[in-house]
């Protein structure tokens, strides 16, 4: 269980310092995978602040002659490309998967001592492609760039986008689409499905090796715990409870919460059919393939709990040598999820309403507001934005007697706090975003980029989303909900 010390690689051209701890796991955990060269690579996005943060020289990366690193035509110094094996419950059904269109180049060792995966998404076929082309279309890769960077600005744990490059070749889905590769940065790509895959091999030593790697990578403080694998399960549960609560606070709908899309690190991963709610409704679904609403906004806590039960099931052989005792341990840990999630959710909602302390009636106050928003079809983000600015732009909501009665109760609650209204409003403005990636604005930016080659719309949107709590900016085109004929009801995963 002791971590294995390794000598960090020396800095190389462009700032690359790649290590390969995942590759040191048993060979079955991954497969060599060489990116398929793009015919005419051209970079369309480079995230300079992120490059600087992780120790890369953005000027070197941006040179036209160096575009190849962002498509796989050329490899960064020290890269050793692999595809990772994993499994997953997809819409409740277990499937052996693996990186079918993603290739891990290595783990960048940053100036601050972090270890971050550098992955090319859409870089071509791998041994796990299962008949797929291994490619990605430009629209979904730009969508992931927009949403993941917006999530980062909101302070929500997430993978990030370092670059997007077009390949100069079409990708064939329903229609031909421009191909692209996303360079994704993550604290790791270890998933609940990674543990499920290791358990499904039936090899206890392999499961233990993968679990030890997860502990070493994300929870080293538990390596020497009396029951390290119980600590691993508990730690992942706590991070996921906190993450999903944060999603709920900003109206984010992931769209496909399969176990292969739940990161052991507690980061948001895989931005396929995701979107942010406009009008509040717990049944909000955006994914074109989620016909039963399994992954609806209001179901996300329940699904996270279910996914964690799959993690617990996979870890059973490590929790205790006696199967019944292992099940009891797993049940005990899983049983803490509702309370942990509820606590995280309530704490965040109190902040959204400017509440510093706790009162027994807070949950009812919050839930009553949610019911009013649902009844009126009120915009989720703008309601809290308006409360934070002591205004109310939704005339129908403002005129409603039920809302006015609720508002009186809320103001009385604020008045009972030891801290004054100015402090409460400051807390709200630091918690409630003024700007989110509005679906119609995202679609507008993607259409301009993919159909007309105009990246200026996307760049302007990303710049606005980089400062989501900037209440001093009057940008109604980015804060207004869509008109009725401009609503975006469905999003697609892009595979």
Protein backbone atom coordinates (compact mmCIF):
# COMPACT_ATOMS: atom_id res chain seq x y z
CA UNK A 1 0.00 0.00 0.00
CA UNK A 2 2.99 2.33 0.17
CA UNK A 3 3.22 4.82 -2.72
CA UNK A 4 5.94 4.04 -5.22
CA UNK A 5 8.39 6.94 -5.54
CA UNK A 6 9.34 7.91 -9.07
CA UNK A 7 11.87 10.38 -10.38
CA UNK A 8 10.03 13.22 -12.10
CA UNK A 9 10.94 13.72 -15.75
CA UNK A 10 13.00 16.75 -16.63
CA UNK A 11 11.30 19.69 -18.37
CA UNK A 12 11.19 19.22 -22.13
CA UNK A 13 10.44 21.41 -25.15
CA UNK A 14 7.31 23.47 -24.63
CA UNK A 15 7.25 22.67 -20.92
CA UNK A 16 6.14 19.05 -21.27
CA UNK A 17 6.98 16.89 -18.22
CA UNK A 18 5.07 13.69 -18.87
CA UNK A 19 4.99 10.71 -16.55
CA UNK A 20 3.05 7.44 -16.92
CA UNK A 21 1.92 6.05 -13.58
CA UNK A 22 -1.20 4.44 -15.09
CA UNK A 23 0.95 2.57 -17.59
CA UNK A 24 2.78 0.95 -14.69
CA UNK A 25 -0.39 -0.93 -13.75
CA UNK A 26 -0.77 -4.52 -15.06
CA UNK A 27 -0.74 -4.63 -18.85
CA UNK A 28 -4.43 -5.54 -19.15
CA UNK A 29 -5.42 -2.12 -17.77
CA UNK A 30 -4.56 -0.40 -21.04
CA UNK A 31 -3.48 -0.96 -24.61
CA UNK A 32 -0.97 0.90 -26.79
CA UNK A 33 -2.86 3.26 -29.08
CA UNK A 34 -1.27 5.48 -31.69
CA UNK A 35 -3.29 8.52 -32.77
CA UNK A 36 -4.43 8.47 -36.39
CA UNK A 37 -2.77 11.41 -38.18
CA UNK A 38 -5.14 14.13 -39.34
CA UNK A 39 -5.11 15.04 -43.02
CA UNK A 40 -4.96 18.80 -42.58
CA UNK A 41 -4.74 19.73 -38.91
CA UNK A 42 -5.55 23.28 -37.85
CA UNK A 43 -5.98 24.51 -34.30
CA UNK A 44 -9.12 26.53 -33.57
CA UNK A 45 -8.86 26.87 -29.77
CA UNK A 46 -5.88 27.14 -27.42
CA UNK A 47 -6.53 27.69 -23.73
CA UNK A 48 -3.54 29.86 -22.88
CA UNK A 49 -4.35 30.40 -19.18
CA UNK A 50 -4.67 26.64 -18.65
CA UNK A 51 -1.43 25.99 -20.55
CA UNK A 52 0.39 28.43 -18.28
CA UNK A 53 -1.20 26.89 -15.17
CA UNK A 54 0.04 23.40 -16.00
CA UNK A 55 3.53 24.49 -16.94
CA UNK A 56 3.32 24.59 -20.73
CA UNK A 57 4.69 27.35 -22.98
CA UNK A 58 1.60 28.66 -24.77
CA UNK A 59 3.65 30.55 -27.37
CA UNK A 60 5.46 27.36 -28.33
CA UNK A 61 2.22 25.38 -28.43
CA UNK A 62 0.54 28.03 -30.58
CA UNK A 63 3.10 28.05 -33.39
CA UNK A 64 1.49 26.81 -36.63
CA UNK A 65 4.26 24.29 -37.16
CA UNK A 66 3.42 22.77 -33.75
CA UNK A 67 -0.25 22.09 -34.40
CA UNK A 68 0.43 18.36 -34.60
CA UNK A 69 0.55 17.84 -30.82
CA UNK A 70 -3.17 18.71 -30.59
CA UNK A 71 -4.28 16.15 -33.19
CA UNK A 72 -1.78 13.36 -32.61
CA UNK A 73 0.15 13.93 -35.84
CA UNK A 74 3.19 14.49 -33.68
CA UNK A 75 3.59 13.49 -30.05
CA UNK A 76 4.78 15.80 -27.27
CA UNK A 77 8.21 14.88 -25.90
CA UNK A 78 7.91 12.04 -23.44
CA UNK A 79 4.44 10.91 -24.59
CA UNK A 80 3.58 7.21 -24.48
CA UNK A 81 0.04 6.94 -25.87
CA UNK A 82 -2.40 4.37 -24.50
CA UNK A 83 -6.14 3.68 -24.36
CA UNK A 84 -7.50 2.83 -20.93
CA UNK A 85 -9.73 -0.15 -20.18
CA UNK A 86 -12.94 0.39 -18.24
CA UNK A 87 -16.52 -0.80 -18.09
CA UNK A 88 -19.79 0.90 -17.26
CA UNK A 89 -23.47 0.65 -16.54
CA UNK A 90 -25.02 2.53 -19.44
CA UNK A 91 -28.67 3.33 -18.72
CA UNK A 92 -28.48 0.56 -16.12
CA UNK A 93 -26.92 -2.12 -18.34
CA UNK A 94 -23.38 -3.36 -17.74
CA UNK A 95 -20.98 -3.19 -20.70
CA UNK A 96 -17.23 -3.72 -21.08
CA UNK A 97 -15.96 -0.55 -22.72
CA UNK A 98 -12.60 1.23 -22.81
CA UNK A 99 -11.35 4.35 -24.57
CA UNK A 100 -12.86 3.96 -28.01
CA UNK A 101 -11.89 7.39 -29.31
CA UNK A 102 -9.65 8.81 -26.59
CA UNK A 103 -5.90 8.36 -26.20
CA UNK A 104 -3.95 9.23 -23.07
CA UNK A 105 -0.62 10.83 -23.93
CA UNK A 106 0.65 10.88 -20.36
CA UNK A 107 0.43 12.70 -17.06
CA UNK A 108 1.76 16.24 -16.95
CA UNK A 109 3.67 17.09 -13.77
CA UNK A 110 2.87 20.74 -13.15
CA UNK A 111 4.96 23.43 -11.45
CA UNK A 112 2.61 23.22 -8.44
CA UNK A 113 3.17 19.51 -8.03
CA UNK A 114 -0.08 18.30 -9.55
CA UNK A 115 -0.33 15.27 -11.83
CA UNK A 116 -2.79 15.81 -14.70
CA UNK A 117 -3.84 13.51 -17.52
CA UNK A 118 -3.37 14.87 -21.04
CA UNK A 119 -5.81 13.09 -23.33
CA UNK A 120 -6.70 13.44 -27.01
CA UNK A 121 -10.42 12.89 -27.57
CA UNK A 122 -11.32 12.02 -31.17
CA UNK A 123 -7.80 10.96 -32.13
CA UNK A 124 -8.79 7.79 -33.99
CA UNK A 125 -9.43 4.12 -33.47
CA UNK A 126 -8.08 2.19 -30.49
CA UNK A 127 -8.24 -1.50 -29.52
CA UNK A 128 -11.44 -0.59 -27.62
CA UNK A 129 -13.26 1.17 -30.48
CA UNK A 130 -15.78 -1.67 -30.90
CA UNK A 131 -16.35 -0.88 -34.57
CA UNK A 132 -16.45 2.89 -34.14
CA UNK A 133 -14.36 5.32 -36.17
CA UNK A 134 -12.61 6.77 -33.11
CA UNK A 135 -13.22 10.27 -34.39
CA UNK A 136 -15.14 13.26 -33.04
CA UNK A 137 -17.03 16.08 -34.72
CA UNK A 138 -16.12 19.72 -34.23
CA UNK A 139 -19.45 20.76 -32.69
CA UNK A 140 -19.37 18.39 -29.69
CA UNK A 141 -15.69 19.13 -29.03
CA UNK A 142 -16.34 22.87 -29.00
CA UNK A 143 -19.37 22.26 -26.82
CA UNK A 144 -17.19 20.45 -24.29
CA UNK A 145 -14.73 23.33 -24.41
CA UNK A 146 -17.44 25.91 -23.70
CA UNK A 147 -19.23 24.02 -20.95
CA UNK A 148 -16.19 22.63 -19.14
CA UNK A 149 -14.51 26.04 -19.00
CA UNK A 150 -17.77 27.59 -17.78
CA UNK A 151 -17.96 24.96 -15.05
CA UNK A 152 -14.39 25.74 -14.04
CA UNK A 153 -15.25 29.44 -13.77
CA UNK A 154 -18.25 28.53 -11.61
CA UNK A 155 -15.87 26.75 -9.24
CA UNK A 156 -17.29 23.29 -9.93
CA UNK A 157 -14.73 20.45 -10.19
CA UNK A 158 -14.33 19.53 -13.84
CA UNK A 159 -12.08 18.25 -16.56
CA UNK A 160 -10.83 21.07 -18.74
CA UNK A 161 -10.15 21.83 -22.37
CA UNK A 162 -6.62 22.73 -23.39
CA UNK A 163 -7.15 22.84 -27.15
CA UNK A 164 -9.46 21.98 -30.02
CA UNK A 165 -8.13 21.34 -33.52
CA UNK A 166 -9.89 20.41 -36.74
CA UNK A 167 -8.59 17.44 -38.68
CA UNK A 168 -9.43 18.58 -42.21
CA UNK A 169 -11.49 15.41 -42.67
CA UNK A 170 -15.23 14.74 -42.37
CA UNK A 171 -16.80 12.64 -39.65
CA UNK A 172 -19.86 10.73 -40.74
CA UNK A 173 -22.80 10.71 -38.32
CA UNK A 174 -26.33 11.42 -39.54
CA UNK A 175 -24.63 13.81 -41.99
CA UNK A 176 -20.97 14.57 -42.77
CA UNK A 177 -19.50 16.86 -40.12
CA UNK A 178 -16.09 18.52 -39.76
CA UNK A 179 -13.78 16.32 -37.69
CA UNK A 180 -11.93 17.60 -34.63
CA UNK A 181 -9.79 16.55 -31.67
CA UNK A 182 -10.13 17.88 -28.13
CA UNK A 183 -7.14 17.95 -25.80
CA UNK A 184 -8.63 17.24 -22.38
CA UNK A 185 -6.95 17.79 -19.02
CA UNK A 186 -8.12 15.87 -15.94
CA UNK A 187 -6.77 14.96 -12.54
CA UNK A 188 -7.26 11.45 -13.92
CA UNK A 189 -9.62 9.47 -16.14
CA UNK A 190 -10.24 6.85 -13.47
CA UNK A 191 -13.95 6.12 -13.33
CA UNK A 192 -16.37 4.02 -11.31
CA UNK A 193 -16.33 1.95 -14.49
CA UNK A 194 -12.57 1.44 -14.11
CA UNK A 195 -13.14 -0.34 -10.81
CA UNK A 196 -16.09 -2.23 -12.32
CA UNK A 197 -13.87 -3.42 -15.16
CA UNK A 198 -11.16 -4.61 -12.78
CA UNK A 199 -13.74 -6.48 -10.68
CA UNK A 200 -15.29 -8.06 -13.79
CA UNK A 201 -11.95 -9.66 -14.74
CA UNK A 202 -12.31 -11.91 -11.70
CA UNK A 203 -8.68 -11.28 -10.76
CA UNK A 204 -8.43 -10.07 -7.13
CA UNK A 205 -4.84 -8.90 -7.54
CA UNK A 206 -5.78 -6.78 -10.52
CA UNK A 207 -8.71 -5.20 -8.65
CA UNK A 208 -6.42 -4.46 -5.73
CA UNK A 209 -3.79 -2.89 -8.01
CA UNK A 210 -6.35 -0.58 -9.63
CA UNK A 211 -7.87 0.39 -6.28
CA UNK A 212 -4.39 1.07 -4.87
CA UNK A 213 -3.65 3.27 -7.87
CA UNK A 214 -6.87 5.23 -7.28
CA UNK A 215 -5.93 5.74 -3.64
CA UNK A 216 -2.40 6.81 -4.53
CA UNK A 217 -3.61 9.17 -7.24
CA UNK A 218 -6.51 10.86 -5.44
CA UNK A 219 -6.65 9.89 -1.78
CA UNK A 220 -3.07 9.27 -0.59
CA UNK A 221 -4.08 10.26 2.95
CA UNK A 222 -5.98 6.94 3.14
CA UNK A 223 -3.19 4.67 1.89
CA UNK A 224 -2.19 3.69 5.41
CA UNK A 225 -5.71 3.65 6.84
CA UNK A 226 -6.81 0.58 8.77
CA UNK A 227 -9.41 -0.11 6.06
CA UNK A 228 -8.12 1.77 2.99
CA UNK A 229 -10.71 0.48 0.53
CA UNK A 230 -13.58 1.41 2.81
CA UNK A 231 -11.96 4.84 3.04
CA UNK A 232 -11.77 4.94 -0.78
CA UNK A 233 -15.47 4.18 -1.13
CA UNK A 234 -16.39 6.76 1.49
CA UNK A 235 -14.16 9.44 -0.05
CA UNK A 236 -15.55 8.97 -3.56
CA UNK A 237 -19.09 9.05 -2.16
CA UNK A 238 -18.43 12.31 -0.33
CA UNK A 239 -16.92 13.96 -3.39
CA UNK A 240 -19.74 12.83 -5.65
CA UNK A 241 -22.38 14.01 -3.20
CA UNK A 242 -20.72 17.42 -3.12
CA UNK A 243 -20.36 17.51 -6.92
CA UNK A 244 -23.97 16.67 -7.72
CA UNK A 245 -25.15 19.21 -5.14
CA UNK A 246 -23.08 21.82 -6.97
CA UNK A 247 -24.70 20.80 -10.26
CA UNK A 248 -28.14 21.25 -8.70
CA UNK A 249 -27.23 24.70 -7.41
CA UNK A 250 -26.58 26.06 -10.92
CA UNK A 251 -29.24 24.09 -12.80
CA UNK A 252 -26.79 21.82 -14.61
CA UNK A 253 -28.05 18.59 -16.18
CA UNK A 254 -25.24 16.17 -17.01
CA UNK A 255 -27.39 14.09 -19.33
CA UNK A 256 -25.62 10.72 -19.22
CA UNK A 257 -24.69 9.73 -15.67
CA UNK A 258 -23.50 6.25 -16.61
CA UNK A 259 -20.93 4.72 -14.25
CA UNK A 260 -18.23 5.22 -16.89
CA UNK A 261 -18.99 8.95 -16.67
CA UNK A 262 -18.49 9.16 -12.89
CA UNK A 263 -14.90 10.08 -12.09
CA UNK A 264 -13.30 8.74 -8.92
CA UNK A 265 -11.70 12.17 -8.48
CA UNK A 266 -15.07 13.88 -8.09
CA UNK A 267 -14.68 15.91 -11.27
CA UNK A 268 -17.39 16.44 -13.87
CA UNK A 269 -16.40 14.39 -16.91
CA UNK A 270 -17.76 13.76 -20.41
CA UNK A 271 -19.84 16.70 -21.59
CA UNK A 272 -22.09 15.00 -24.11
CA UNK A 273 -25.82 15.77 -23.97
CA UNK A 274 -25.48 18.18 -21.04
CA UNK A 275 -27.09 21.59 -20.66
CA UNK A 276 -28.24 24.17 -18.13
CA UNK A 277 -31.90 24.62 -17.26
CA UNK A 278 -33.67 27.79 -18.26
CA UNK A 279 -37.16 27.37 -16.79
CA UNK A 280 -37.05 25.43 -13.54
CA UNK A 281 -38.50 21.94 -13.57
CA UNK A 282 -37.07 18.87 -11.82
CA UNK A 283 -38.06 16.71 -14.80
CA UNK A 284 -35.85 18.66 -17.20
CA UNK A 285 -34.11 16.37 -19.70
CA UNK A 286 -31.95 17.43 -22.63
CA UNK A 287 -30.44 14.18 -23.88
CA UNK A 288 -31.97 12.94 -27.13
CA UNK A 289 -31.52 9.34 -25.99
CA UNK A 290 -32.92 9.67 -22.45
CA UNK A 291 -36.51 8.85 -23.34
CA UNK A 292 -37.55 7.83 -19.82
CA UNK A 293 -35.95 10.76 -17.97
CA UNK A 294 -33.52 8.52 -16.10
CA UNK A 295 -30.95 11.32 -15.93
CA UNK A 296 -33.35 14.26 -15.47
CA UNK A 297 -32.25 17.20 -13.33
CA UNK A 298 -34.20 16.07 -10.27
CA UNK A 299 -33.03 12.46 -10.58
CA UNK A 300 -29.31 13.22 -10.48
CA UNK A 301 -28.83 12.63 -6.72
CA UNK A 302 -30.65 9.29 -6.91
CA UNK A 303 -28.61 8.20 -9.93
CA UNK A 304 -25.36 9.23 -8.24
CA UNK A 305 -26.34 7.07 -5.27
CA UNK A 306 -27.12 4.15 -7.62
CA UNK A 307 -23.80 4.56 -9.43
CA UNK A 308 -21.96 4.54 -6.12
CA UNK A 309 -23.71 1.30 -5.24
CA UNK A 310 -22.09 -0.19 -8.36
CA UNK A 311 -18.72 1.02 -7.09
CA UNK A 312 -19.38 -0.55 -3.71
CA UNK A 313 -20.39 -3.83 -5.34
CA UNK A 314 -17.18 -3.90 -7.37
CA UNK A 315 -15.08 -3.22 -4.26
CA UNK A 316 -16.72 -5.92 -2.12
CA UNK A 317 -13.78 -8.39 -2.32
CA UNK A 318 -11.53 -5.68 -0.88
CA UNK A 319 -13.86 -4.45 1.85
CA UNK A 320 -13.77 -7.69 3.87
CA UNK A 321 -12.77 -11.32 3.38
CA UNK A 322 -16.26 -12.40 4.44
CA UNK A 323 -18.83 -11.58 1.76
CA UNK A 324 -21.70 -10.85 4.16
CA UNK A 325 -19.49 -8.59 6.25
CA UNK A 326 -18.37 -6.81 3.07
CA UNK A 327 -22.00 -6.22 2.05
CA UNK A 328 -22.80 -4.81 5.49
CA UNK A 329 -19.82 -2.44 5.29
CA UNK A 330 -20.86 -1.31 1.81
CA UNK A 331 -24.46 -0.75 2.92
CA UNK A 332 -23.29 1.28 5.90
CA UNK A 333 -21.21 3.59 3.70
CA UNK A 334 -23.89 3.89 1.01
CA UNK A 335 -26.46 4.67 3.66
CA UNK A 336 -24.67 7.93 4.44
CA UNK A 337 -25.19 9.35 0.95
CA UNK A 338 -28.67 10.88 1.38
CA UNK A 339 -27.69 12.80 4.49
CA UNK A 340 -24.35 13.95 3.06
CA UNK A 341 -25.95 15.07 -0.18
CA UNK A 342 -28.82 16.78 1.63
CA UNK A 343 -26.36 18.65 3.84
CA UNK A 344 -24.30 19.82 0.88
CA UNK A 345 -27.40 20.80 -1.06
CA UNK A 346 -28.93 22.72 1.85
CA UNK A 347 -25.68 24.54 2.57
CA UNK A 348 -25.42 25.69 -1.03
CA UNK A 349 -29.06 26.72 -1.22
CA UNK A 350 -28.71 28.71 2.00
CA UNK A 351 -25.83 30.58 0.40
CA UNK A 352 -27.95 31.22 -2.70
CA UNK A 353 -30.50 32.89 -0.41
CA UNK A 354 -27.92 34.82 1.60
CA UNK A 355 -28.25 32.74 4.76
CA UNK A 356 -25.17 32.44 6.94
CA UNK A 357 -26.70 30.45 9.77
CA UNK A 358 -29.16 27.58 10.03
CA UNK A 359 -32.78 27.39 11.11
CA UNK A 360 -35.04 24.34 11.13
CA UNK A 361 -37.44 25.89 8.64
CA UNK A 362 -34.83 26.61 5.96
CA UNK A 363 -35.53 23.45 3.96
CA UNK A 364 -39.23 24.29 3.74
CA UNK A 365 -38.41 27.86 2.68
CA UNK A 366 -36.14 26.57 -0.09
CA UNK A 367 -38.54 23.87 -1.25
CA UNK A 368 -41.46 26.30 -1.32
CA UNK A 369 -39.48 28.58 -3.63
CA UNK A 370 -38.71 25.63 -5.91
CA UNK A 371 -42.43 24.80 -6.10
CA UNK A 372 -43.24 28.41 -7.01
CA UNK A 373 -40.58 28.47 -9.74
CA UNK A 374 -41.95 25.24 -11.18
CA UNK A 375 -45.54 26.53 -11.09
CA UNK A 376 -44.62 29.71 -12.96
CA UNK A 377 -42.00 28.16 -15.26
CA UNK A 378 -39.64 30.81 -13.94
CA UNK A 379 -36.05 31.03 -15.09
CA UNK A 380 -33.87 29.29 -12.48
CA UNK A 381 -30.70 31.34 -12.88
CA UNK A 382 -32.36 34.71 -13.29
CA UNK A 383 -34.64 34.25 -10.28
CA UNK A 384 -31.64 33.94 -7.99
CA UNK A 385 -29.80 36.64 -9.92
CA UNK A 386 -32.75 38.96 -9.40
CA UNK A 387 -32.98 38.17 -5.69
CA UNK A 388 -29.25 38.91 -5.42
CA UNK A 389 -29.77 42.29 -7.06
CA UNK A 390 -32.98 43.15 -5.21
CA UNK A 391 -34.85 43.24 -8.52
CA UNK A 392 -37.34 40.97 -10.24
CA UNK A 393 -37.34 40.91 -14.04
CA UNK A 394 -39.93 38.13 -14.30
CA UNK A 395 -43.09 40.22 -14.07
CA UNK A 396 -45.44 37.24 -13.83
CA UNK A 397 -43.46 35.76 -10.96
CA UNK A 398 -43.13 39.10 -9.18
CA UNK A 399 -46.87 39.72 -9.42
CA UNK A 400 -47.83 36.35 -8.01
CA UNK A 401 -49.32 36.43 -4.51
CA UNK A 402 -47.66 33.14 -3.60
CA UNK A 403 -44.23 34.49 -4.52
CA UNK A 404 -44.81 37.74 -2.65
CA UNK A 405 -45.81 35.81 0.45
CA UNK A 406 -42.69 33.68 0.11
CA UNK A 407 -40.55 36.79 -0.36
CA UNK A 408 -41.88 38.24 2.88
CA UNK A 409 -40.95 35.03 4.72
CA UNK A 410 -37.45 35.12 3.20
CA UNK A 411 -36.92 38.77 4.18
CA UNK A 412 -38.04 38.00 7.72
CA UNK A 413 -35.56 35.12 7.76
CA UNK A 414 -32.76 37.43 6.61
CA UNK A 415 -33.66 39.92 9.32
CA UNK A 416 -33.13 37.29 12.03
CA UNK A 417 -29.48 36.87 11.07
CA UNK A 418 -26.77 38.63 13.05
CA UNK A 419 -25.21 39.81 9.80
CA UNK A 420 -26.89 42.53 7.79
CA UNK A 421 -28.51 42.67 4.36
CA UNK A 422 -25.36 43.98 2.65
CA UNK A 423 -23.42 40.90 3.75
CA UNK A 424 -26.27 38.63 2.66
CA UNK A 425 -26.41 40.17 -0.80
CA UNK A 426 -22.64 39.93 -1.12
CA UNK A 427 -22.83 36.20 -0.31
CA UNK A 428 -25.58 35.75 -2.88
CA UNK A 429 -23.65 37.54 -5.61
CA UNK A 430 -20.66 35.30 -4.92
CA UNK A 431 -22.88 32.22 -5.13
CA UNK A 432 -25.50 32.90 -7.80
CA UNK A 433 -24.07 33.26 -11.31
CA UNK A 434 -25.22 36.17 -13.40
CA UNK A 435 -24.23 34.27 -16.54
CA UNK A 436 -24.43 30.58 -17.46
CA UNK A 437 -23.98 28.83 -20.83
CA UNK A 438 -27.49 29.48 -22.11
CA UNK A 439 -28.42 26.69 -24.48
CA UNK A 440 -29.45 29.00 -27.31
CA UNK A 441 -26.21 30.98 -27.00
CA UNK A 442 -24.13 27.79 -27.04
CA UNK A 443 -25.97 26.57 -30.13
CA UNK A 444 -25.51 29.97 -31.78
CA UNK A 445 -21.75 29.83 -31.15
CA UNK A 446 -21.47 26.24 -32.40
CA UNK A 447 -23.45 26.99 -35.56
CA UNK A 448 -21.25 29.98 -36.38
CA UNK A 449 -18.07 27.94 -35.82
CA UNK A 450 -19.08 24.73 -37.59
CA UNK A 451 -21.17 26.08 -40.46
CA UNK A 452 -19.50 29.40 -41.17
CA UNK A 453 -16.03 29.02 -39.71
CA UNK A 454 -16.66 32.06 -37.50
CA UNK A 455 -15.07 31.58 -34.08
CA UNK A 456 -15.72 35.12 -32.87
CA UNK A 457 -19.17 34.25 -31.50
CA UNK A 458 -17.69 31.39 -29.47
CA UNK A 459 -14.78 33.49 -28.23
CA UNK A 460 -17.13 36.22 -27.02
CA UNK A 461 -19.33 33.69 -25.24
CA UNK A 462 -16.34 32.02 -23.54
CA UNK A 463 -15.08 35.43 -22.39
CA UNK A 464 -18.45 36.23 -20.78
CA UNK A 465 -18.65 32.82 -19.10
CA UNK A 466 -15.14 33.22 -17.69
CA UNK A 467 -16.60 35.79 -15.23
CA UNK A 468 -19.97 34.32 -14.23
CA UNK A 469 -20.33 36.37 -11.03
CA UNK A 470 -19.60 39.77 -12.59
CA UNK A 471 -22.83 41.55 -11.68
CA UNK A 472 -21.44 44.89 -12.85
CA UNK A 473 -21.73 43.83 -16.51
CA UNK A 474 -24.98 44.62 -18.30
CA UNK A 475 -25.11 41.99 -21.04
CA UNK A 476 -28.78 41.14 -21.54
CA UNK A 477 -28.11 39.08 -24.67
CA UNK A 478 -26.15 36.62 -22.50
CA UNK A 479 -28.42 36.65 -19.45
CA UNK A 480 -31.87 36.56 -21.04
CA UNK A 481 -33.60 33.20 -21.45
CA UNK A 482 -34.54 32.17 -24.99
CA UNK A 483 -37.76 33.29 -26.59
CA UNK A 484 -40.29 30.49 -27.03
CA UNK A 485 -39.23 29.64 -30.60
CA UNK A 486 -35.55 29.67 -29.64
CA UNK A 487 -35.61 27.01 -26.95
CA UNK A 488 -33.17 24.11 -27.32
CA UNK A 489 -34.85 20.96 -26.09
CA UNK A 490 -32.40 18.25 -27.16
CA UNK A 491 -28.68 17.75 -27.11
CA UNK A 492 -26.65 14.89 -28.55
CA UNK A 493 -23.64 12.91 -27.39
CA UNK A 494 -21.76 13.20 -30.68
CA UNK A 495 -20.62 9.58 -31.01
